[in-house]
N, C-alpha and C. Protein backbone atom coordinates (compact mmCIF):
# COMPACT_ATOMS: atom_id res chain seq x y z
N MET A 1 80.88 -103.28 45.86
CA MET A 1 80.04 -103.76 47.02
C MET A 1 78.64 -104.33 46.57
N GLU A 2 78.26 -104.05 45.35
CA GLU A 2 77.04 -104.56 44.74
C GLU A 2 77.00 -106.04 44.68
N ASP A 3 78.21 -106.65 44.37
CA ASP A 3 78.23 -108.12 44.20
C ASP A 3 78.29 -108.86 45.56
N MET A 4 78.47 -108.08 46.59
CA MET A 4 78.64 -108.67 47.90
C MET A 4 77.30 -109.11 48.41
N PRO A 5 77.13 -110.32 49.11
CA PRO A 5 76.03 -110.81 49.68
C PRO A 5 75.38 -109.77 50.69
N ARG A 6 74.08 -109.60 50.77
CA ARG A 6 73.50 -108.60 51.58
C ARG A 6 73.88 -108.66 53.00
N LYS A 7 73.95 -109.87 53.56
CA LYS A 7 74.32 -109.87 55.03
C LYS A 7 75.74 -109.56 55.30
N LEU A 8 76.60 -109.32 54.25
CA LEU A 8 77.90 -108.93 54.49
C LEU A 8 78.08 -107.43 54.34
N LYS A 9 77.00 -106.71 53.82
CA LYS A 9 77.08 -105.34 53.65
C LYS A 9 76.89 -104.55 54.92
N PRO A 10 77.40 -103.35 55.14
CA PRO A 10 77.16 -102.68 56.33
C PRO A 10 75.58 -102.53 56.59
N HIS A 11 75.31 -102.44 57.82
CA HIS A 11 73.77 -102.44 58.34
C HIS A 11 73.65 -101.30 59.29
N ILE A 12 72.36 -100.94 59.35
CA ILE A 12 72.05 -99.89 60.42
C ILE A 12 70.65 -100.34 61.06
N ALA A 13 70.53 -100.18 62.26
CA ALA A 13 69.42 -100.41 63.08
C ALA A 13 68.90 -99.06 63.62
N VAL A 14 67.54 -98.82 63.37
CA VAL A 14 66.97 -97.58 63.90
C VAL A 14 66.02 -98.07 64.95
N ILE A 15 66.14 -97.65 66.22
CA ILE A 15 65.28 -97.95 67.24
C ILE A 15 64.58 -96.79 67.65
N THR A 16 63.25 -96.68 67.55
CA THR A 16 62.46 -95.50 67.90
C THR A 16 61.72 -95.89 69.19
N PHE A 17 61.64 -95.04 70.19
CA PHE A 17 60.88 -95.31 71.43
C PHE A 17 60.16 -94.03 71.92
N ARG A 18 59.24 -94.23 72.81
CA ARG A 18 58.44 -93.28 73.47
C ARG A 18 58.64 -93.39 75.00
N ILE A 19 58.79 -92.17 75.61
CA ILE A 19 59.01 -92.10 77.03
C ILE A 19 57.74 -91.60 77.73
N ASP A 20 57.18 -92.39 78.59
CA ASP A 20 55.93 -92.01 79.37
C ASP A 20 56.43 -91.88 80.80
N VAL A 21 56.42 -90.73 81.44
CA VAL A 21 56.66 -90.57 82.80
C VAL A 21 55.45 -90.04 83.43
N ARG A 22 55.02 -90.88 84.45
CA ARG A 22 53.76 -90.54 85.18
C ARG A 22 53.76 -90.87 86.51
N PRO A 23 52.98 -90.27 87.37
CA PRO A 23 52.85 -90.57 88.82
C PRO A 23 52.26 -91.97 89.03
N ILE A 24 52.63 -92.49 90.24
CA ILE A 24 52.09 -93.78 90.76
C ILE A 24 51.11 -93.42 91.87
N ASN A 25 49.96 -93.83 91.74
CA ASN A 25 48.84 -93.59 92.77
C ASN A 25 49.22 -94.48 93.99
N SER A 26 48.52 -94.13 95.11
CA SER A 26 48.77 -94.92 96.40
C SER A 26 48.33 -96.35 96.29
N ASP A 27 47.48 -96.66 95.42
CA ASP A 27 47.14 -98.19 95.14
C ASP A 27 47.97 -98.76 94.10
N ASN A 28 49.09 -98.08 93.84
CA ASN A 28 50.14 -98.63 92.76
C ASN A 28 49.61 -98.71 91.43
N THR A 29 48.37 -98.10 91.04
CA THR A 29 48.12 -97.95 89.69
C THR A 29 48.67 -96.68 89.07
N LEU A 30 48.80 -96.60 87.83
CA LEU A 30 49.45 -95.39 87.16
C LEU A 30 48.40 -94.35 87.04
N ASP A 31 48.85 -93.14 87.29
CA ASP A 31 47.96 -91.92 87.11
C ASP A 31 47.77 -91.71 85.72
N TRP A 32 46.65 -91.12 85.29
CA TRP A 32 46.28 -90.85 83.91
C TRP A 32 47.24 -89.77 83.29
N HIS A 33 47.76 -88.98 84.20
CA HIS A 33 48.64 -87.80 83.64
C HIS A 33 49.99 -88.22 83.21
N ILE A 34 50.42 -87.94 81.95
CA ILE A 34 51.63 -88.27 81.37
C ILE A 34 52.38 -86.88 81.20
N LEU A 35 53.66 -86.89 81.60
CA LEU A 35 54.45 -85.70 81.37
C LEU A 35 54.63 -85.48 79.90
N ARG A 36 54.31 -84.32 79.43
CA ARG A 36 54.50 -83.94 78.11
C ARG A 36 55.76 -83.18 77.76
N ASN A 37 56.06 -82.98 76.48
CA ASN A 37 57.28 -82.35 76.12
C ASN A 37 57.56 -81.07 76.90
N ALA A 38 56.47 -80.28 77.20
CA ALA A 38 56.75 -79.05 77.86
C ALA A 38 57.28 -79.25 79.33
N ASP A 39 56.74 -80.42 79.93
CA ASP A 39 57.17 -80.72 81.32
C ASP A 39 58.55 -81.45 81.30
N LEU A 40 58.69 -82.31 80.29
CA LEU A 40 60.06 -82.92 80.17
C LEU A 40 61.20 -82.00 79.74
N LYS A 41 60.87 -80.87 79.15
CA LYS A 41 61.90 -80.04 78.62
C LYS A 41 62.88 -79.51 79.76
N LYS A 42 62.30 -79.30 80.89
CA LYS A 42 63.21 -78.76 81.99
C LYS A 42 64.19 -79.87 82.36
N TYR A 43 64.04 -81.05 82.05
CA TYR A 43 64.96 -82.20 82.23
C TYR A 43 65.79 -82.49 80.97
N ASN A 44 65.63 -81.67 79.97
CA ASN A 44 66.38 -81.96 78.74
C ASN A 44 66.02 -83.30 78.10
N LEU A 45 64.72 -83.65 78.27
CA LEU A 45 64.20 -84.86 77.53
C LEU A 45 63.03 -84.47 76.70
N SER A 46 62.60 -85.43 75.92
CA SER A 46 61.37 -85.24 75.15
C SER A 46 60.59 -86.63 75.18
N GLU A 47 59.32 -86.50 74.61
CA GLU A 47 58.49 -87.78 74.67
C GLU A 47 59.05 -88.93 73.76
N LYS A 48 59.83 -88.50 72.73
CA LYS A 48 60.16 -89.59 71.84
C LYS A 48 61.71 -89.46 71.64
N GLY A 49 62.27 -90.66 71.23
CA GLY A 49 63.61 -90.75 71.13
C GLY A 49 64.04 -91.67 69.93
N GLN A 50 65.19 -91.65 69.50
CA GLN A 50 65.68 -92.58 68.45
C GLN A 50 67.15 -92.84 68.63
N VAL A 51 67.46 -94.12 68.45
CA VAL A 51 68.83 -94.54 68.65
C VAL A 51 69.20 -95.25 67.26
N ILE A 52 70.46 -94.86 66.82
CA ILE A 52 70.94 -95.40 65.48
C ILE A 52 72.10 -96.30 65.85
N ILE A 53 72.12 -97.54 65.41
CA ILE A 53 73.25 -98.45 65.60
C ILE A 53 73.76 -99.00 64.26
N LYS A 54 75.02 -98.83 64.13
CA LYS A 54 75.65 -99.15 62.82
C LYS A 54 76.57 -100.53 63.01
N GLY A 55 76.59 -101.30 62.00
CA GLY A 55 77.45 -102.47 62.06
C GLY A 55 78.10 -102.64 60.68
N ALA A 56 79.31 -103.26 60.77
CA ALA A 56 79.98 -103.47 59.45
C ALA A 56 79.35 -104.53 58.61
N ASN A 57 78.54 -105.36 59.27
CA ASN A 57 77.66 -106.32 58.63
C ASN A 57 76.44 -106.64 59.40
N GLU A 58 75.59 -107.46 58.91
CA GLU A 58 74.32 -107.90 59.53
C GLU A 58 74.49 -108.41 60.87
N ALA A 59 75.44 -109.37 61.03
CA ALA A 59 75.57 -109.95 62.38
C ALA A 59 76.07 -108.98 63.41
N GLU A 60 77.02 -108.09 63.04
CA GLU A 60 77.59 -107.12 63.97
C GLU A 60 76.53 -106.18 64.35
N CYS A 61 75.64 -105.68 63.44
CA CYS A 61 74.55 -104.76 63.77
C CYS A 61 73.62 -105.38 64.79
N VAL A 62 73.21 -106.61 64.48
CA VAL A 62 72.24 -107.25 65.35
C VAL A 62 72.87 -107.54 66.70
N LYS A 63 74.10 -107.94 66.79
CA LYS A 63 74.75 -108.20 68.03
C LYS A 63 74.81 -106.91 68.83
N LYS A 64 75.06 -105.76 68.17
CA LYS A 64 75.01 -104.52 68.88
C LYS A 64 73.66 -104.13 69.46
N VAL A 65 72.58 -104.39 68.70
CA VAL A 65 71.25 -104.14 69.16
C VAL A 65 71.01 -104.99 70.37
N GLN A 66 71.34 -106.27 70.26
CA GLN A 66 71.08 -107.13 71.36
C GLN A 66 71.77 -106.72 72.67
N GLU A 67 73.04 -106.39 72.58
CA GLU A 67 73.82 -105.74 73.71
C GLU A 67 73.10 -104.56 74.30
N MET A 68 72.73 -103.69 73.50
CA MET A 68 72.09 -102.46 73.97
C MET A 68 70.76 -102.76 74.69
N MET A 69 69.97 -103.71 74.15
CA MET A 69 68.76 -104.04 74.78
C MET A 69 68.97 -104.74 76.07
N GLU A 70 69.97 -105.53 76.18
CA GLU A 70 70.28 -106.27 77.39
C GLU A 70 70.59 -105.26 78.51
N LYS A 71 71.30 -104.15 78.05
CA LYS A 71 71.64 -103.19 79.15
C LYS A 71 70.44 -102.35 79.61
N ILE A 72 69.50 -102.19 78.65
CA ILE A 72 68.26 -101.41 79.01
C ILE A 72 67.49 -102.39 79.96
């Protein structure tokens, strides 16, 4: 596999994200209070998350990332 071009090798994408859940004020502005891990725990969530996407090659990995982002 060492002689294989880089784009043909298996690839992995790591997408890291943060979740902010906060109230909306009556004037449609966002409240300053953000739910923290302790608050989110009762919903089985946390403030941060990570998604790992694997592909057999560069193109497949990127395509899977694009498809996931479109769904979001």
